[in-house]
PDB file of N, CA and C in Angstrom:
ATOM      1  N   UNK A   1     -32.449 -98.819 -66.103  1.00  0.00           N
ATOM      2  CA  UNK A   1     -32.400 -98.353 -67.698  1.00  0.00           C
ATOM      3  C   UNK A   1     -33.233 -97.089 -67.563  1.00  0.00           C
ATOM      4  N   UNK A   2     -33.590 -96.218 -68.746  1.00  0.00           N
ATOM      5  CA  UNK A   2     -33.767 -94.702 -68.136  1.00  0.00           C
ATOM      6  C   UNK A   2     -35.747 -95.375 -69.416  1.00  0.00           C
ATOM      7  N   UNK A   3     -36.913 -95.662 -68.242  1.00  0.00           N
ATOM      8  CA  UNK A   3     -37.551 -95.270 -69.745  1.00  0.00           C
ATOM      9  C   UNK A   3     -37.722 -94.299 -70.482  1.00  0.00           C
ATOM     10  N   UNK A   4     -36.540 -93.562 -71.087  1.00  0.00           N
ATOM     11  CA  UNK A   4     -37.394 -92.556 -72.279  1.00  0.00           C
ATOM     12  C   UNK A   4     -36.333 -93.875 -73.207  1.00  0.00           C
ATOM     13  N   UNK A   5     -35.327 -95.227 -72.537  1.00  0.00           N
ATOM     14  CA  UNK A   5     -34.677 -95.445 -73.515  1.00  0.00           C
ATOM     15  C   UNK A   5     -35.240 -96.600 -74.002  1.00  0.00           C
ATOM     16  N   UNK A   6     -35.751 -97.035 -73.397  1.00  0.00           N
ATOM     17  CA  UNK A   6     -36.597 -98.441 -73.058  1.00  0.00           C
ATOM     18  C   UNK A   6     -37.775 -98.028 -73.596  1.00  0.00           C
ATOM     19  N   UNK A   7     -38.357 -96.744 -73.429  1.00  0.00           N
ATOM     20  CA  UNK A   7     -39.380 -96.311 -75.196  1.00  0.00           C
ATOM     21  C   UNK A   7     -38.833 -96.794 -76.765  1.00  0.00           C
ATOM     22  N   UNK A   8     -38.050 -96.195 -76.586  1.00  0.00           N
ATOM     23  CA  UNK A   8     -36.567 -95.912 -77.714  1.00  0.00           C
ATOM     24  C   UNK A   8     -37.189 -97.455 -78.649  1.00  0.00           C
ATOM     25  N   UNK A   9     -36.169 -98.453 -77.715  1.00  0.00           N
ATOM     26  CA  UNK A   9     -36.470 -99.186 -78.136  1.00  0.00           C
ATOM     27  C   UNK A   9     -36.877-100.170 -78.909  1.00  0.00           C
ATOM     28  N   UNK A  10     -38.146-100.707 -77.336  1.00  0.00           N
ATOM     29  CA  UNK A  10     -39.962-100.713 -77.933  1.00  0.00           C
ATOM     30  C   UNK A  10     -40.324 -99.993 -79.190  1.00  0.00           C
ATOM     31  N   UNK A  11     -39.803 -99.228 -79.334  1.00  0.00           N
ATOM     32  CA  UNK A  11     -40.674 -98.454 -80.682  1.00  0.00           C
ATOM     33  C   UNK A  11     -39.735 -98.888 -81.967  1.00  0.00           C
ATOM     34  N   UNK A  12     -38.590 -99.957 -80.980  1.00  0.00           N
ATOM     35  CA  UNK A  12     -37.595 -99.735 -83.050  1.00  0.00           C
ATOM     36  C   UNK A  12     -36.430 -99.201 -83.069  1.00  0.00           C
ATOM     37  N   UNK A  13     -36.100 -97.831 -81.950  1.00  0.00           N
ATOM     38  CA  UNK A  13     -34.903 -97.129 -82.890  1.00  0.00           C
ATOM     39  C   UNK A  13     -33.026 -97.956 -82.959  1.00  0.00           C
ATOM     40  N   UNK A  14     -32.666 -97.228 -82.971  1.00  0.00           N
ATOM     41  CA  UNK A  14     -31.168 -97.981 -84.332  1.00  0.00           C
ATOM     42  C   UNK A  14     -30.204 -98.266 -82.200  1.00  0.00           C
ATOM     43  N   UNK A  15     -29.640 -99.361 -81.942  1.00  0.00           N
ATOM     44  CA  UNK A  15     -29.172 -99.141 -80.988  1.00  0.00           C
ATOM     45  C   UNK A  15     -27.759 -99.414 -80.870  1.00  0.00           C
ATOM     46  N   UNK A  16     -26.854 -98.405 -80.386  1.00  0.00           N
ATOM     47  CA  UNK A  16     -25.334 -98.295 -80.660  1.00  0.00           C
ATOM     48  C   UNK A  16     -25.087 -98.342 -79.257  1.00  0.00           C
ATOM     49  N   UNK A  17     -23.319 -98.565 -79.078  1.00  0.00           N
ATOM     50  CA  UNK A  17     -22.404 -98.778 -78.039  1.00  0.00           C
ATOM     51  C   UNK A  17     -21.957 -97.393 -78.565  1.00  0.00           C
ATOM     52  N   UNK A  18     -21.804 -96.848 -76.964  1.00  0.00           N
ATOM     53  CA  UNK A  18     -20.067 -96.509 -77.236  1.00  0.00           C
ATOM     54  C   UNK A  18     -19.746 -96.152 -75.545  1.00  0.00           C
ATOM     55  N   UNK A  19     -18.462 -96.581 -76.502  1.00  0.00           N
ATOM     56  CA  UNK A  19     -17.082 -96.534 -75.585  1.00  0.00           C
ATOM     57  C   UNK A  19     -17.110 -95.488 -74.794  1.00  0.00           C
ATOM     58  N   UNK A  20     -16.136 -95.924 -73.494  1.00  0.00           N
ATOM     59  CA  UNK A  20     -15.678 -94.937 -72.903  1.00  0.00           C
ATOM     60  C   UNK A  20     -15.119 -95.070 -71.030  1.00  0.00           C
ATOM     61  N   UNK A  21     -13.662 -94.112 -71.104  1.00  0.00           N
ATOM     62  CA  UNK A  21     -12.805 -94.133 -70.779  1.00  0.00           C
ATOM     63  C   UNK A  21     -13.100 -95.468 -69.466  1.00  0.00           C
ATOM     64  N   UNK A  22     -11.893 -95.688 -69.093  1.00  0.00           N
ATOM     65  CA  UNK A  22     -11.479 -97.167 -67.702  1.00  0.00           C
ATOM     66  C   UNK A  22     -12.463 -98.280 -68.240  1.00  0.00           C
ATOM     67  N   UNK A  23     -13.131 -99.423 -68.930  1.00  0.00           N
ATOM     68  CA  UNK A  23     -13.704 -99.576 -69.774  1.00  0.00           C
ATOM     69  C   UNK A  23     -15.458-100.437 -69.439  1.00  0.00           C
ATOM     70  N   UNK A  24     -15.483 -99.037 -69.912  1.00  0.00           N
ATOM     71  CA  UNK A  24     -16.760 -98.605 -69.472  1.00  0.00           C
ATOM     72  C   UNK A  24     -18.352 -97.989 -70.400  1.00  0.00           C
ATOM     73  N   UNK A  25     -19.318 -98.412 -71.757  1.00  0.00           N
ATOM     74  CA  UNK A  25     -19.967 -98.351 -72.458  1.00  0.00           C
ATOM     75  C   UNK A  25     -21.099 -97.968 -71.797  1.00  0.00           C
ATOM     76  N   UNK A  26     -22.132 -97.329 -72.680  1.00  0.00           N
ATOM     77  CA  UNK A  26     -23.236 -96.937 -72.702  1.00  0.00           C
ATOM     78  C   UNK A  26     -24.080 -97.756 -74.279  1.00  0.00           C
ATOM     79  N   UNK A  27     -24.629 -97.961 -73.639  1.00  0.00           N
ATOM     80  CA  UNK A  27     -26.006 -98.309 -75.699  1.00  0.00           C
ATOM     81  C   UNK A  27     -26.928 -97.176 -74.947  1.00  0.00           C
ATOM     82  N   UNK A  28     -26.962 -96.656 -76.290  1.00  0.00           N
ATOM     83  CA  UNK A  28     -27.438 -95.171 -76.678  1.00  0.00           C
ATOM     84  C   UNK A  28     -29.055 -95.734 -78.127  1.00  0.00           C
ATOM     85  N   UNK A  29     -30.025 -95.395 -78.140  1.00  0.00           N
ATOM     86  CA  UNK A  29     -31.263 -94.928 -78.966  1.00  0.00           C
ATOM     87  C   UNK A  29     -30.736 -94.055 -79.856  1.00  0.00           C
ATOM     88  N   UNK A  30     -31.442 -94.399 -80.982  1.00  0.00           N
ATOM     89  CA  UNK A  30     -31.807 -93.567 -82.130  1.00  0.00           C
ATOM     90  C   UNK A  30     -32.872 -93.417 -82.505  1.00  0.00           C
ATOM     91  N   UNK A  31     -34.086 -92.337 -82.422  1.00  0.00           N
ATOM     92  CA  UNK A  31     -35.282 -92.602 -82.773  1.00  0.00           C
ATOM     93  C   UNK A  31     -35.820 -91.486 -83.861  1.00  0.00           C
ATOM     94  N   UNK A  32     -35.967 -91.269 -84.182  1.00  0.00           N
ATOM     95  CA  UNK A  32     -36.596 -89.581 -85.082  1.00  0.00           C
ATOM     96  C   UNK A  32     -35.603 -88.410 -85.385  1.00  0.00           C
ATOM     97  N   UNK A  33     -34.372 -88.806 -85.234  1.00  0.00           N
ATOM     98  CA  UNK A  33     -33.549 -87.723 -85.059  1.00  0.00           C
ATOM     99  C   UNK A  33     -33.134 -86.795 -83.360  1.00  0.00           C
ATOM    100  N   UNK A  34     -32.625 -88.742 -82.610  1.00  0.00           N
ATOM    101  CA  UNK A  34     -33.501 -88.392 -81.084  1.00  0.00           C
ATOM    102  C   UNK A  34     -32.417 -88.966 -80.346  1.00  0.00           C
ATOM    103  N   UNK A  35     -31.468 -89.338 -79.433  1.00  0.00           N
ATOM    104  CA  UNK A  35     -30.646 -89.768 -78.590  1.00  0.00           C
ATOM    105  C   UNK A  35     -31.600 -89.504 -77.467  1.00  0.00           C
ATOM    106  N   UNK A  36     -30.624 -91.405 -76.997  1.00  0.00           N
ATOM    107  CA  UNK A  36     -31.551 -92.126 -75.784  1.00  0.00           C
ATOM    108  C   UNK A  36     -30.340 -92.384 -75.128  1.00  0.00           C
ATOM    109  N   UNK A  37     -30.350 -92.149 -74.306  1.00  0.00           N
ATOM    110  CA  UNK A  37     -28.795 -92.909 -73.499  1.00  0.00           C
ATOM    111  C   UNK A  37     -29.274 -93.756 -72.173  1.00  0.00           C
ATOM    112  N   UNK A  38     -28.334 -94.735 -72.460  1.00  0.00           N
ATOM    113  CA  UNK A  38     -28.745 -95.765 -71.758  1.00  0.00           C
ATOM    114  C   UNK A  38     -28.143 -96.555 -70.724  1.00  0.00           C
ATOM    115  N   UNK A  39     -27.864 -96.445 -68.936  1.00  0.00           N
ATOM    116  CA  UNK A  39     -27.021 -97.507 -68.232  1.00  0.00           C
ATOM    117  C   UNK A  39     -25.488 -96.898 -68.522  1.00  0.00           C
ATOM    118  N   UNK A  40     -24.989 -96.234 -67.904  1.00  0.00           N
ATOM    119  CA  UNK A  40     -22.702 -96.793 -68.107  1.00  0.00           C
ATOM    120  C   UNK A  40     -23.477 -98.403 -67.428  1.00  0.00           C
ATOM    121  N   UNK A  41     -22.058 -99.289 -68.380  1.00  0.00           N
ATOM    122  CA  UNK A  41     -22.074-100.073 -67.715  1.00  0.00           C
ATOM    123  C   UNK A  41     -20.951-100.926 -67.679  1.00  0.00           C
ATOM    124  N   UNK A  42     -20.040-101.288 -66.999  1.00  0.00           N
ATOM    125  CA  UNK A  42     -19.007-101.644 -66.664  1.00  0.00           C
ATOM    126  C   UNK A  42     -18.189-102.596 -68.203  1.00  0.00           C
ATOM    127  N   UNK A  43     -17.413-102.944 -68.185  1.00  0.00           N
ATOM    128  CA  UNK A  43     -16.970-104.062 -69.696  1.00  0.00           C
ATOM    129  C   UNK A  43     -16.218-104.853 -67.953  1.00  0.00           C
ATOM    130  N   UNK A  44     -16.306-106.936 -68.220  1.00  0.00           N
ATOM    131  CA  UNK A  44     -16.191-107.750 -67.462  1.00  0.00           C
ATOM    132  C   UNK A  44     -15.422-108.752 -67.711  1.00  0.00           C
ATOM    133  N   UNK A  45     -13.957-108.490 -67.121  1.00  0.00           N
ATOM    134  CA  UNK A  45     -12.518-109.182 -67.046  1.00  0.00           C
ATOM    135  C   UNK A  45     -13.110-110.647 -67.987  1.00  0.00           C
ATOM    136  N   UNK A  46     -12.764-111.427 -69.025  1.00  0.00           N
ATOM    137  CA  UNK A  46     -12.245-112.357 -69.514  1.00  0.00           C
ATOM    138  C   UNK A  46     -12.316-113.792 -68.344  1.00  0.00           C
ATOM    139  N   UNK A  47     -13.101-114.537 -67.887  1.00  0.00           N
ATOM    140  CA  UNK A  47     -12.718-115.193 -67.335  1.00  0.00           C
ATOM    141  C   UNK A  47     -11.244-116.128 -67.861  1.00  0.00           C
ATOM    142  N   UNK A  48     -10.786-116.992 -66.956  1.00  0.00           N
ATOM    143  CA  UNK A  48      -9.839-117.448 -66.804  1.00  0.00           C
ATOM    144  C   UNK A  48     -10.216-119.407 -67.450  1.00  0.00           C
ATOM    145  N   UNK A  49      -9.169-120.212 -68.015  1.00  0.00           N
ATOM    146  CA  UNK A  49      -9.834-121.672 -68.227  1.00  0.00           C
ATOM    147  C   UNK A  49      -9.673-122.613 -67.043  1.00  0.00           C
ATOM    148  N   UNK A  50      -9.680-123.215 -66.185  1.00  0.00           N
ATOM    149  CA  UNK A  50      -8.959-124.652 -65.577  1.00  0.00           C
ATOM    150  C   UNK A  50      -8.711-125.244 -65.845  1.00  0.00           C
ATOM    151  N   UNK A  51      -7.748-125.409 -65.604  1.00  0.00           N
ATOM    152  CA  UNK A  51      -6.429-127.020 -66.299  1.00  0.00           C
ATOM    153  C   UNK A  51      -7.530-127.285 -65.008  1.00  0.00           C
TER     154      UNK A  51
END
């Protein structure tokens, strides 16, 4: 993740999840009126139980 994002989280910023198209999402940290974007991640499929 970006260094600015990590510092924002470490210093108590509010982290929100932004959903994107194609099953992707990104964490965004807000602090002092500024936003810091994290990595774009892909949602994992749920595992089916085996019988």
